[in-house]
Amino acid sequence: MPRLKIAVTSGGTREYIDDVRVITNISTGKLGAMIAEKFIGNGHEVYYVAPRTAVAPDPDASIMGYDRRITTDTNSVLETMKELVPKMDVVIQCMAISDFTFDREKPVKASSSDLEGFIELMRQTIVKTPKVISFYREWNPRAVLVGFKFTVGKSSKELTQIATDLMEKNRLDMVLANDKEQMKKKGTHAGILIMKDWTERLNGKEVIAKRIYENVMRVKGM
């Protein structure tokens, strides 16, 4: 079997509000690490893009080798992926990337006791981040692209539509969609894997990682 080049983003970003405060998210990177392990274990060349705080692939996987790229904020992810994506056969964006960051041209520490001052600081400096995944197809027309969509309080029908819109807008090959409330009710990391030709409901991170690997191989004709 040909050895593919795979980029897997995982964990989350940290966007600095001022010199000492950040906005981040609860993503641990565990699922991304499990997905990376599937490809590493099957002999593929994996580039694991994640912050230092994210879970890394199992130490045993490092025996076969993988390239870990450390990122921090959205801009660092963008620059790293701009370098990697054109060289990849597969790109899997499991990372939770912030929708917002802060203008740091004039870094100022707001007083912790000045609520209104802190709110005003955020109001004046908050800006939208670029959608990193939106560049991938432009950077690499031939790669298999996998996206993730996480929502809170959406029905399965709504979640499927949101993920389908993401897939079509960014010309992805598949999207893994999940909802926090639905996972809480089921007591497991449940998700819907949406592809151009079919949809699968999956339960558990191990199953999700396995099916993403298998479907990527299917799309690649391997």
Foldseek 3Di string as FASTA:
>chain_A
DDAFEEEFEFEWAWADLFPPDTDIDDTQRPLSLLLQLVSLVVPHEYEYEYAPRHDHHDPVSCVSNYHYHHDHAPVRVLVVCLVVLLVGQAYAYHYHHDQKHFDHPPGDDDDPVDVVRSVVSCVVTIDTDDPSLLCRCVSHVRHAYEEEEEEEPDDPVVQVVVQVCVCVNSVHQKYWYDYPVVCVVVVFRWTWIDGPVDIDTDTHSNRVSVVVVVVSCVVVVD
